[in-house]
Amino acid sequence: MPEQPAFWRMYRDGFEGKQVEVVLRKWRRQRSLPQNSWYWSCIVMGLATETGHTSQEIHEALKHRFLSRIEGKLEITRSTADLTTAEFSEYCERCRVLAAEMGLSITNPGEYE
């Protein structure tokens, strides 16, 4: 178990003589695999079928619309892989609203298998 000092000593010893980088940050739950699967299968593919665009084009357009911000002179777009489960749920809901505005009904996450 990672909480045990012996684990950390064994792990540390594997890097002996090598340069290492240690990153410590607050843990947060990232989007789940079922969330991601539903997003790609229902939202992205639904919009791709409706518009004739590829799934990758739809994904990039949705990210740009809902996950972009301006920092100085740069436009930064977050990756959906970096979103927490709550952030990803909010993002998906915004995508569903956009789809509804286009006349497309997206299956609810609980109805998707």
C-alpha atoms as a PDB file:
ATOM      1  CA  MET A   1       0.000   0.000   0.000  1.00  0.00           C
ATOM      2  CA  PRO A   2       1.296   3.496  -0.811  1.00  0.00           C
ATOM      3  CA  GLU A   3       0.631   4.672   2.783  1.00  0.00           C
ATOM      4  CA  GLN A   4       3.324   2.319   4.115  1.00  0.00           C
ATOM      5  CA  PRO A   5       6.888   3.635   4.480  1.00  0.00           C
ATOM      6  CA  ALA A   6       8.341   0.357   3.134  1.00  0.00           C
ATOM      7  CA  PHE A   7       6.481   0.897  -0.134  1.00  0.00           C
ATOM      8  CA  TRP A   8       7.945   4.371  -0.538  1.00  0.00           C
ATOM      9  CA  ARG A   9      11.487   3.201   0.278  1.00  0.00           C
ATOM     10  CA  MET A  10      11.218   0.433  -2.331  1.00  0.00           C
ATOM     11  CA  TYR A  11       9.812   2.879  -4.875  1.00  0.00           C
ATOM     12  CA  ARG A  12      12.478   5.508  -4.073  1.00  0.00           C
ATOM     13  CA  ASP A  13      15.300   2.977  -4.309  1.00  0.00           C
ATOM     14  CA  GLY A  14      14.274   2.180  -7.885  1.00  0.00           C
ATOM     15  CA  PHE A  15      15.369   5.696  -8.852  1.00  0.00           C
ATOM     16  CA  GLU A  16      18.790   5.571  -7.225  1.00  0.00           C
ATOM     17  CA  GLY A  17      21.325   7.470  -9.303  1.00  0.00           C
ATOM     18  CA  LYS A  18      18.649   9.030 -11.520  1.00  0.00           C
ATOM     19  CA  GLN A  19      17.174  12.509 -11.621  1.00  0.00           C
ATOM     20  CA  VAL A  20      13.563  12.562 -10.476  1.00  0.00           C
ATOM     21  CA  GLU A  21      10.686  15.019 -10.303  1.00  0.00           C
ATOM     22  CA  VAL A  22       8.144  14.835  -7.504  1.00  0.00           C
ATOM     23  CA  VAL A  23       4.727  16.450  -7.956  1.00  0.00           C
ATOM     24  CA  LEU A  24       2.373  16.756  -5.025  1.00  0.00           C
ATOM     25  CA  ARG A  25      -1.146  18.080  -5.513  1.00  0.00           C
ATOM     26  CA  LYS A  26      -4.589  17.700  -4.030  1.00  0.00           C
ATOM     27  CA  TRP A  27      -6.304  14.566  -5.307  1.00  0.00           C
ATOM     28  CA  ARG A  28      -9.423  15.047  -7.363  1.00  0.00           C
ATOM     29  CA  ARG A  29     -11.654  12.532  -9.042  1.00  0.00           C
ATOM     30  CA  GLN A  30     -11.291  12.763 -12.816  1.00  0.00           C
ATOM     31  CA  ARG A  31     -14.116  12.081 -15.221  1.00  0.00           C
ATOM     32  CA  SER A  32     -15.174   8.447 -15.208  1.00  0.00           C
ATOM     33  CA  LEU A  33     -14.882   5.983 -18.070  1.00  0.00           C
ATOM     34  CA  PRO A  34     -18.686   5.545 -18.226  1.00  0.00           C
ATOM     35  CA  GLN A  35     -19.073   9.345 -18.426  1.00  0.00           C
ATOM     36  CA  ASN A  36     -16.544   9.513 -21.244  1.00  0.00           C
ATOM     37  CA  SER A  37     -18.134   6.600 -23.085  1.00  0.00           C
ATOM     38  CA  TRP A  38     -21.582   8.221 -22.888  1.00  0.00           C
ATOM     39  CA  TYR A  39     -20.159  11.552 -24.063  1.00  0.00           C
ATOM     40  CA  TRP A  40     -18.534  10.037 -27.158  1.00  0.00           C
ATOM     41  CA  SER A  41     -21.344   7.589 -27.980  1.00  0.00           C
ATOM     42  CA  CYS A  42     -24.354   9.828 -27.408  1.00  0.00           C
ATOM     43  CA  ILE A  43     -23.328  13.470 -27.548  1.00  0.00           C
ATOM     44  CA  VAL A  44     -20.424  13.487 -29.990  1.00  0.00           C
ATOM     45  CA  MET A  45     -21.715  10.780 -32.323  1.00  0.00           C
ATOM     46  CA  GLY A  46     -25.255  12.208 -32.198  1.00  0.00           C
ATOM     47  CA  LEU A  47     -24.017  15.630 -33.233  1.00  0.00           C
ATOM     48  CA  ALA A  48     -21.648  14.153 -35.831  1.00  0.00           C
ATOM     49  CA  THR A  49     -24.479  12.205 -37.436  1.00  0.00           C
ATOM     50  CA  GLU A  50     -26.765  15.243 -37.336  1.00  0.00           C
ATOM     51  CA  THR A  51     -24.222  17.669 -38.822  1.00  0.00           C
ATOM     52  CA  GLY A  52     -22.123  15.472 -41.106  1.00  0.00           C
ATOM     53  CA  HIS A  53     -18.905  16.386 -39.298  1.00  0.00           C
ATOM     54  CA  THR A  54     -16.457  13.814 -37.948  1.00  0.00           C
ATOM     55  CA  SER A  55     -16.573  12.881 -34.291  1.00  0.00           C
ATOM     56  CA  GLN A  56     -13.160  14.513 -33.774  1.00  0.00           C
ATOM     57  CA  GLU A  57     -14.364  17.760 -35.377  1.00  0.00           C
ATOM     58  CA  ILE A  58     -17.422  17.788 -33.096  1.00  0.00           C
ATOM     59  CA  HIS A  59     -15.301  17.054 -30.018  1.00  0.00           C
ATOM     60  CA  GLU A  60     -12.885  19.884 -30.850  1.00  0.00           C
ATOM     61  CA  ALA A  61     -15.756  22.304 -31.579  1.00  0.00           C
ATOM     62  CA  LEU A  62     -17.464  21.481 -28.273  1.00  0.00           C
ATOM     63  CA  LYS A  63     -14.211  21.883 -26.322  1.00  0.00           C
ATOM     64  CA  HIS A  64     -13.542  25.184 -28.040  1.00  0.00           C
ATOM     65  CA  ARG A  65     -17.037  26.466 -27.288  1.00  0.00           C
ATOM     66  CA  PHE A  66     -17.251  25.375 -23.649  1.00  0.00           C
ATOM     67  CA  LEU A  67     -13.697  24.812 -22.367  1.00  0.00           C
ATOM     68  CA  SER A  68     -11.745  27.731 -23.860  1.00  0.00           C
ATOM     69  CA  ARG A  69     -10.566  30.874 -22.128  1.00  0.00           C
ATOM     70  CA  ILE A  70      -8.277  33.761 -23.017  1.00  0.00           C
ATOM     71  CA  GLU A  71      -5.046  34.121 -21.023  1.00  0.00           C
ATOM     72  CA  GLY A  72      -3.135  37.172 -22.139  1.00  0.00           C
ATOM     73  CA  LYS A  73      -2.832  36.853 -25.901  1.00  0.00           C
ATOM     74  CA  LEU A  74      -3.411  33.098 -25.951  1.00  0.00           C
ATOM     75  CA  GLU A  75      -6.586  31.086 -26.166  1.00  0.00           C
ATOM     76  CA  ILE A  76      -6.303  28.056 -23.888  1.00  0.00           C
ATOM     77  CA  THR A  77      -8.615  25.067 -24.330  1.00  0.00           C
ATOM     78  CA  ARG A  78      -8.794  22.491 -21.552  1.00  0.00           C
ATOM     79  CA  SER A  79      -8.734  18.798 -22.288  1.00  0.00           C
ATOM     80  CA  THR A  80     -11.789  16.828 -21.188  1.00  0.00           C
ATOM     81  CA  ALA A  81      -9.357  14.312 -19.667  1.00  0.00           C
ATOM     82  CA  ASP A  82      -8.359  16.958 -17.109  1.00  0.00           C
ATOM     83  CA  LEU A  83     -11.920  17.629 -15.922  1.00  0.00           C
ATOM     84  CA  THR A  84     -13.242  16.335 -12.628  1.00  0.00           C
ATOM     85  CA  THR A  85     -16.408  14.228 -12.679  1.00  0.00           C
ATOM     86  CA  ALA A  86     -18.429  17.305 -11.648  1.00  0.00           C
ATOM     87  CA  GLU A  87     -16.795  19.538 -14.279  1.00  0.00           C
ATOM     88  CA  PHE A  88     -17.312  16.878 -16.945  1.00  0.00           C
ATOM     89  CA  SER A  89     -20.999  16.512 -15.972  1.00  0.00           C
ATOM     90  CA  GLU A  90     -21.451  20.273 -16.303  1.00  0.00           C
ATOM     91  CA  TYR A  91     -19.632  20.269 -19.656  1.00  0.00           C
ATOM     92  CA  CYS A  92     -21.822  17.419 -20.951  1.00  0.00           C
ATOM     93  CA  GLU A  93     -24.980  19.225 -19.840  1.00  0.00           C
ATOM     94  CA  ARG A  94     -23.920  22.316 -21.762  1.00  0.00           C
ATOM     95  CA  CYS A  95     -23.296  20.110 -24.808  1.00  0.00           C
ATOM     96  CA  ARG A  96     -26.761  18.534 -24.395  1.00  0.00           C
ATOM     97  CA  VAL A  97     -28.377  21.981 -24.253  1.00  0.00           C
ATOM     98  CA  LEU A  98     -26.597  22.949 -27.473  1.00  0.00           C
ATOM     99  CA  ALA A  99     -27.752  19.701 -29.099  1.00  0.00           C
ATOM    100  CA  ALA A 100     -31.338  20.393 -27.972  1.00  0.00           C
ATOM    101  CA  GLU A 101     -31.127  23.880 -29.491  1.00  0.00           C
ATOM    102  CA  MET A 102     -30.203  22.120 -32.749  1.00  0.00           C
ATOM    103  CA  GLY A 103     -33.244  19.855 -32.429  1.00  0.00           C
ATOM    104  CA  LEU A 104     -31.329  16.774 -31.298  1.00  0.00           C
ATOM    105  CA  SER A 105     -32.393  14.827 -28.214  1.00  0.00           C
ATOM    106  CA  ILE A 106     -29.517  13.142 -26.362  1.00  0.00           C
ATOM    107  CA  THR A 107     -30.103  10.019 -24.288  1.00  0.00           C
ATOM    108  CA  ASN A 108     -29.742  10.581 -20.534  1.00  0.00           C
ATOM    109  CA  PRO A 109     -26.613   9.058 -18.958  1.00  0.00           C
ATOM    110  CA  GLY A 110     -28.732   6.653 -16.871  1.00  0.00           C
ATOM    111  CA  GLU A 111     -30.500   5.390 -20.010  1.00  0.00           C
ATOM    112  CA  TYR A 112     -27.259   4.676 -21.877  1.00  0.00           C
ATOM    113  CA  GLU A 113     -25.799   1.177 -21.683  1.00  0.00           C
END
